[in-house]
Amino acid sequence: MAEKWSLGRALRGVFVRPTIDEDTWETLETALIQADFGPDITERIVDELRANVERYRTTDPRDLNRMLQETLEERFAKYDTTLKLTERPAVVLVVGVNGVGKTTTIGKFAHFLRRYDRTVVVGAADTFRAAAVDQLATWAERGGATIVRPDREGQDPASVAFQTIDFAKRTGTEIVLVDTAGRLHTKGGLMDELTKIRRVIEKQAPISEVLLVLDATTGQNGVMQAEAFLQHAGVTGLVISKLDGSAKGGFVLAVQERTGIPVKLLGQGEGIGDLTGFTPHVFVQALVEGAVD
């Protein structure tokens, strides 16, 4: 994981020093900024660490490393990252702008759930592009899920959602993942569409989760693009996709603190198995791994 997230490598310059000095703080601040924590969160973290170093009168960089991990874990742990999937069927709406990896995320999520022996059906309610339905079908099959397709091109998305819930109830399928359109240039119409989908679903079953997929490589711009969903879609959890390559792990904390919504799933690669639940302790360990030999 250290190869994917750059913070650990950037922090090597902090913790290999013989003592904590002003260069230490400058290097730490730079590393956090580069890891996409954002200037405000970075400033608060550094101020808190300075106060702790002063309080405990330590000059050992290894103590600073431990304090950093504890501070990050505490911040991440403020949010309940548990997926609420106890209803039967448990219905999950998946939303997000085009291009964030929503379709692949649904396939990976189906695979994630199948590993726990849950039965899964995917509803292709993004009906405006035939290619989107075919792509979703491919990923659903890879993930071991059944798919409910539109009966015809351009079918009303809410009716596809209805058919999917009906299928789940008739067959005893445990988890329902409903794909939705991701066009933000028609913001009003898109939100009306989501409202209608929710209304139709909730007549059949409660909605357990509304998961918003965000692309980690777009950083804060990704949050701005998704503001319509955050304001109107009743989002209950975030899925961070593409958290690899040039992506920076600090975005996970930044987006939680900016939105107040917990990150529940992380996409860390291109493979069908590259989606995991979010556990603060494990994530922070991976984030700073490599900082000390």
Protein backbone atom coordinates (compact mmCIF):
# COMPACT_ATOMS: atom_id res chain seq x y z
CA MET A 1 0.00 0.00 0.00
CA ALA A 2 2.86 2.40 0.68
CA GLU A 3 3.67 2.40 -3.01
CA LYS A 4 0.16 3.61 -3.80
CA TRP A 5 -0.12 6.32 -1.16
CA SER A 6 2.72 8.81 -1.19
CA LEU A 7 2.52 10.14 2.37
CA GLY A 8 4.73 7.42 3.88
CA ARG A 9 7.52 8.08 1.41
CA ALA A 10 7.25 11.83 1.88
CA LEU A 11 7.47 11.46 5.65
CA ARG A 12 10.77 9.60 5.49
CA GLY A 13 12.48 12.98 5.61
CA VAL A 14 10.72 13.74 8.89
CA PHE A 15 11.35 10.62 10.92
CA VAL A 16 14.92 9.81 9.92
CA ARG A 17 16.19 13.04 11.48
CA PRO A 18 18.05 12.79 14.79
CA THR A 19 15.74 15.31 16.47
CA ILE A 20 12.58 17.39 16.00
CA ASP A 21 13.44 20.87 14.71
CA GLU A 22 11.89 23.54 12.47
CA ASP A 23 12.94 21.64 9.36
CA THR A 24 10.93 18.72 10.72
CA TRP A 25 7.77 20.79 10.88
CA GLU A 26 8.29 22.28 7.42
CA THR A 27 8.83 18.85 5.90
CA LEU A 28 5.78 17.45 7.70
CA GLU A 29 3.58 20.31 6.53
CA THR A 30 4.74 19.92 2.94
CA ALA A 31 4.15 16.16 3.05
CA LEU A 32 0.59 16.58 4.32
CA ILE A 33 -0.24 19.21 1.71
CA GLN A 34 1.16 17.00 -1.06
CA ALA A 35 -0.89 14.09 0.27
CA ASP A 36 -4.04 16.18 -0.39
CA PHE A 37 -5.09 16.83 3.20
CA GLY A 38 -5.72 20.44 2.24
CA PRO A 39 -4.21 23.56 3.86
CA ASP A 40 -6.79 23.95 6.64
CA ILE A 41 -6.64 20.36 7.90
CA THR A 42 -2.85 20.35 7.55
CA GLU A 43 -2.55 23.47 9.69
CA ARG A 44 -4.80 22.01 12.40
CA ILE A 45 -2.88 18.71 12.45
CA VAL A 46 0.51 20.41 12.66
CA ASP A 47 -0.67 22.78 15.40
CA GLU A 48 -2.01 19.83 17.42
CA LEU A 49 1.23 17.90 16.99
CA ARG A 50 3.36 20.90 17.97
CA ALA A 51 1.30 21.25 21.16
CA ASN A 52 1.68 17.54 21.97
CA VAL A 53 5.45 17.59 21.36
CA GLU A 54 5.72 20.59 23.68
CA ARG A 55 3.46 19.00 26.31
CA TYR A 56 5.43 15.76 26.45
CA ARG A 57 8.78 17.54 26.00
CA THR A 58 10.02 15.05 23.44
CA THR A 59 12.59 15.58 20.71
CA ASP A 60 12.39 12.03 19.32
CA PRO A 61 10.96 11.86 15.75
CA ARG A 62 9.64 8.36 16.54
CA ASP A 63 7.33 9.92 19.11
CA LEU A 64 6.14 12.37 16.48
CA ASN A 65 5.39 9.48 14.13
CA ARG A 66 3.28 7.79 16.80
CA MET A 67 1.48 11.05 17.61
CA LEU A 68 0.72 11.63 13.93
CA GLN A 69 -0.85 8.19 13.58
CA GLU A 70 -2.90 8.69 16.74
CA THR A 71 -4.09 12.12 15.57
CA LEU A 72 -5.12 10.82 12.14
CA GLU A 73 -6.89 7.78 13.62
CA GLU A 74 -8.81 9.99 16.03
CA ARG A 75 -9.98 12.24 13.20
CA PHE A 76 -11.02 9.33 10.98
CA ALA A 77 -12.77 7.57 13.87
CA LYS A 78 -15.23 10.46 14.31
CA TYR A 79 -17.27 9.02 11.46
CA ASP A 80 -19.32 5.82 11.48
CA THR A 81 -17.99 3.88 8.50
CA THR A 82 -20.30 0.87 8.96
CA LEU A 83 -22.39 -0.17 5.96
CA LYS A 84 -26.05 -0.44 7.00
CA LEU A 85 -27.22 -3.51 5.11
CA THR A 86 -29.44 -5.35 7.58
CA GLU A 87 -32.77 -4.89 5.75
CA ARG A 88 -33.96 -7.65 3.43
CA PRO A 89 -33.67 -6.75 0.73
CA ALA A 90 -31.06 -4.10 1.58
CA VAL A 91 -31.35 -1.48 -1.16
CA VAL A 92 -28.34 0.64 -2.08
CA LEU A 93 -28.57 3.58 -4.49
CA VAL A 94 -25.23 4.33 -6.17
CA VAL A 95 -24.81 7.90 -7.43
CA GLY A 96 -22.01 10.03 -8.87
CA VAL A 97 -21.01 12.10 -11.86
CA ASN A 98 -19.99 10.41 -15.10
CA GLY A 99 -16.37 9.31 -15.22
CA VAL A 100 -15.76 8.69 -11.50
CA GLY A 101 -15.77 4.90 -11.85
CA LYS A 102 -19.35 4.32 -10.72
CA THR A 103 -19.99 1.31 -12.98
CA THR A 104 -16.78 -0.49 -12.05
CA THR A 105 -17.40 0.31 -8.40
CA ILE A 106 -20.80 -1.42 -8.55
CA GLY A 107 -19.19 -4.56 -9.98
CA LYS A 108 -16.48 -4.49 -7.32
CA PHE A 109 -19.05 -3.90 -4.58
CA ALA A 110 -21.06 -6.88 -5.79
CA HIS A 111 -17.90 -8.98 -5.62
CA PHE A 112 -17.16 -7.59 -2.13
CA LEU A 113 -20.64 -8.66 -0.95
CA ARG A 114 -20.45 -12.06 -2.64
CA ARG A 115 -17.28 -12.78 -0.63
CA TYR A 116 -19.57 -12.62 2.42
CA ASP A 117 -21.99 -15.05 0.73
CA ARG A 118 -24.61 -12.38 0.11
CA THR A 119 -26.81 -12.69 -2.97
CA VAL A 120 -26.78 -9.53 -5.09
CA VAL A 121 -28.87 -8.08 -7.91
CA VAL A 122 -27.88 -4.96 -9.85
CA GLY A 123 -30.50 -2.66 -11.37
CA ALA A 124 -29.40 -0.80 -14.54
CA ALA A 125 -31.38 2.39 -13.93
CA ASP A 126 -29.02 4.57 -15.99
CA THR A 127 -31.14 3.92 -19.06
CA PHE A 128 -30.15 6.78 -21.33
CA ARG A 129 -27.02 5.13 -22.74
CA ALA A 130 -27.21 1.58 -24.04
CA ALA A 131 -23.44 1.29 -23.64
CA ALA A 132 -23.79 2.07 -19.93
CA VAL A 133 -26.15 -0.87 -19.47
CA ASP A 134 -23.84 -3.24 -21.34
CA GLN A 135 -20.81 -2.10 -19.35
CA LEU A 136 -22.71 -2.53 -16.09
CA ALA A 137 -23.82 -6.01 -17.14
CA THR A 138 -20.19 -6.99 -17.76
CA TRP A 139 -19.07 -5.79 -14.33
CA ALA A 140 -22.11 -7.30 -12.58
CA GLU A 141 -21.28 -10.67 -14.14
CA ARG A 142 -17.65 -10.34 -13.04
CA GLY A 143 -18.87 -9.52 -9.54
CA GLY A 144 -21.13 -12.58 -9.40
CA ALA A 145 -24.39 -10.60 -9.40
CA THR A 146 -27.60 -10.91 -11.38
CA ILE A 147 -28.58 -7.85 -13.42
CA VAL A 148 -32.02 -6.43 -14.22
CA ARG A 149 -31.85 -4.58 -17.54
CA PRO A 150 -34.29 -2.06 -19.00
CA ASP A 151 -36.95 -3.66 -21.18
CA ARG A 152 -36.29 -1.03 -23.82
CA GLU A 153 -33.86 1.80 -24.55
CA GLY A 154 -34.77 4.99 -22.73
CA GLN A 155 -37.06 3.21 -20.24
CA ASP A 156 -38.00 5.27 -17.20
CA PRO A 157 -35.21 4.71 -14.63
CA ALA A 158 -37.70 4.48 -11.75
CA SER A 159 -39.49 1.60 -13.47
CA VAL A 160 -36.19 -0.29 -13.79
CA ALA A 161 -35.59 0.29 -10.08
CA PHE A 162 -39.10 -1.02 -9.40
CA GLN A 163 -38.44 -4.16 -11.45
CA THR A 164 -35.15 -4.72 -9.62
CA ILE A 165 -36.73 -4.53 -6.15
CA ASP A 166 -39.57 -6.76 -7.34
CA PHE A 167 -37.02 -9.31 -8.59
CA ALA A 168 -35.19 -9.25 -5.26
CA LYS A 169 -38.37 -9.78 -3.28
CA ARG A 170 -39.58 -12.61 -5.51
CA THR A 171 -36.24 -14.44 -5.48
CA GLY A 172 -35.15 -13.68 -1.92
CA THR A 173 -32.06 -11.80 -3.12
CA GLU A 174 -30.44 -10.10 -0.13
CA ILE A 175 -28.75 -6.99 -1.55
CA VAL A 176 -29.94 -4.65 -4.32
CA LEU A 177 -27.53 -2.21 -5.99
CA VAL A 178 -29.26 0.39 -8.16
CA ASP A 179 -27.15 2.29 -10.69
CA THR A 180 -28.29 5.83 -11.53
CA ALA A 181 -27.50 8.43 -14.18
CA GLY A 182 -24.54 10.73 -13.61
CA ARG A 183 -25.26 13.75 -15.77
CA LEU A 184 -24.76 16.97 -13.81
CA HIS A 185 -25.29 19.39 -16.70
CA THR A 186 -29.04 18.83 -16.26
CA LYS A 187 -28.84 19.17 -12.50
CA GLY A 188 -32.51 19.91 -11.87
CA GLY A 189 -33.76 17.06 -14.02
CA LEU A 190 -31.24 14.65 -12.56
CA MET A 191 -32.27 15.41 -8.99
CA ASP A 192 -35.97 15.10 -9.95
CA GLU A 193 -35.12 11.71 -11.45
CA LEU A 194 -33.36 10.58 -8.27
CA THR A 195 -36.28 11.78 -6.17
CA LYS A 196 -38.67 9.75 -8.31
CA ILE A 197 -36.45 6.65 -8.08
CA ARG A 198 -36.33 6.99 -4.29
CA ARG A 199 -40.10 7.43 -4.07
CA VAL A 200 -40.79 4.35 -6.20
CA ILE A 201 -38.29 2.20 -4.28
CA GLU A 202 -39.51 3.29 -0.86
CA LYS A 203 -43.02 2.09 -1.71
CA GLN A 204 -41.52 -1.41 -1.92
CA ALA A 205 -38.62 -1.38 0.54
CA PRO A 206 -36.60 1.05 2.66
CA ILE A 207 -33.38 2.43 1.16
CA SER A 208 -30.48 1.23 3.31
CA GLU A 209 -27.68 3.34 1.81
CA VAL A 210 -27.12 6.06 -0.78
CA LEU A 211 -23.47 5.82 -1.78
CA LEU A 212 -21.76 8.66 -3.66
CA VAL A 213 -18.71 7.64 -5.70
CA LEU A 214 -15.92 10.23 -5.77
CA ASP A 215 -12.73 10.08 -7.84
CA ALA A 216 -9.73 10.59 -5.54
CA THR A 217 -7.56 11.86 -8.40
CA THR A 218 -9.76 14.95 -8.84
CA GLY A 219 -9.30 16.03 -5.21
CA GLN A 220 -11.43 18.89 -3.97
CA ASN A 221 -12.77 19.48 -7.50
CA GLY A 222 -14.48 16.12 -7.21
CA VAL A 223 -16.37 17.26 -4.14
CA MET A 224 -17.45 20.45 -5.89
CA GLN A 225 -18.72 18.44 -8.88
CA ALA A 226 -20.76 16.24 -6.57
CA GLU A 227 -22.36 19.01 -4.51
CA ALA A 228 -25.74 18.52 -6.17
CA PHE A 229 -25.79 14.90 -5.01
CA LEU A 230 -24.64 15.87 -1.54
CA GLN A 231 -27.40 18.46 -1.27
CA HIS A 232 -30.28 16.55 -2.82
CA ALA A 233 -29.69 12.81 -3.00
CA GLY A 234 -29.72 11.96 0.71
CA VAL A 235 -26.16 10.59 0.59
CA THR A 236 -25.33 8.32 3.55
CA GLY A 237 -21.81 7.23 2.61
CA LEU A 238 -18.90 7.94 0.26
CA VAL A 239 -16.95 5.57 -1.96
CA ILE A 240 -13.48 6.80 -2.93
CA SER A 241 -12.46 5.38 -6.29
CA LYS A 242 -9.06 5.43 -8.02
CA LEU A 243 -7.11 5.71 -4.76
CA ASP A 244 -3.93 4.59 -6.48
CA GLY A 245 -1.32 5.93 -8.87
CA SER A 246 -1.15 9.69 -8.33
CA ALA A 247 -3.99 9.71 -5.80
CA LYS A 248 -3.25 10.98 -2.30
CA GLY A 249 -4.69 9.34 0.79
CA GLY A 250 -5.28 12.64 2.60
CA PHE A 251 -8.27 13.24 0.35
CA VAL A 252 -10.19 10.66 2.35
CA LEU A 253 -10.01 12.75 5.53
CA ALA A 254 -10.47 16.02 3.66
CA VAL A 255 -13.67 14.88 1.97
CA GLN A 256 -15.14 13.50 5.21
CA GLU A 257 -14.48 16.72 7.09
CA ARG A 258 -15.79 18.86 4.24
CA THR A 259 -19.01 16.91 3.71
CA GLY A 260 -19.63 15.44 7.16
CA ILE A 261 -20.40 12.13 5.43
CA PRO A 262 -18.38 8.99 6.22
CA VAL A 263 -16.24 7.16 3.71
CA LYS A 264 -17.49 3.57 3.66
CA LEU A 265 -15.60 1.94 0.77
CA LEU A 266 -12.23 2.43 -0.93
CA GLY A 267 -11.35 1.48 -4.51
CA GLN A 268 -7.59 0.92 -4.68
CA GLY A 269 -7.00 -0.56 -8.13
CA GLU A 270 -8.48 -1.85 -11.37
CA GLY A 271 -9.14 -5.47 -10.34
CA ILE A 272 -12.52 -6.89 -9.36
CA GLY A 273 -11.21 -7.48 -5.82
CA ASP A 274 -9.78 -3.99 -5.38
CA LEU A 275 -12.59 -2.58 -3.23
CA THR A 276 -12.43 -2.72 0.55
CA GLY A 277 -14.35 -1.47 3.52
CA PHE A 278 -12.88 1.53 5.32
CA THR A 279 -11.26 0.87 8.70
CA PRO A 280 -9.50 3.95 10.17
CA HIS A 281 -6.74 2.06 12.02
CA VAL A 282 -5.81 -0.06 9.00
CA PHE A 283 -6.00 2.91 6.64
CA VAL A 284 -3.77 5.15 8.77
CA GLN A 285 -1.18 2.39 9.13
CA ALA A 286 -1.10 1.99 5.35
CA LEU A 287 -1.03 5.75 4.85
CA VAL A 288 2.11 6.34 6.90
CA GLU A 289 3.77 3.00 6.15
CA GLY A 290 7.27 3.48 4.83
CA ALA A 291 7.88 6.59 6.90
CA VAL A 292 10.24 4.68 9.21
CA ASP A 293 12.54 1.80 8.22
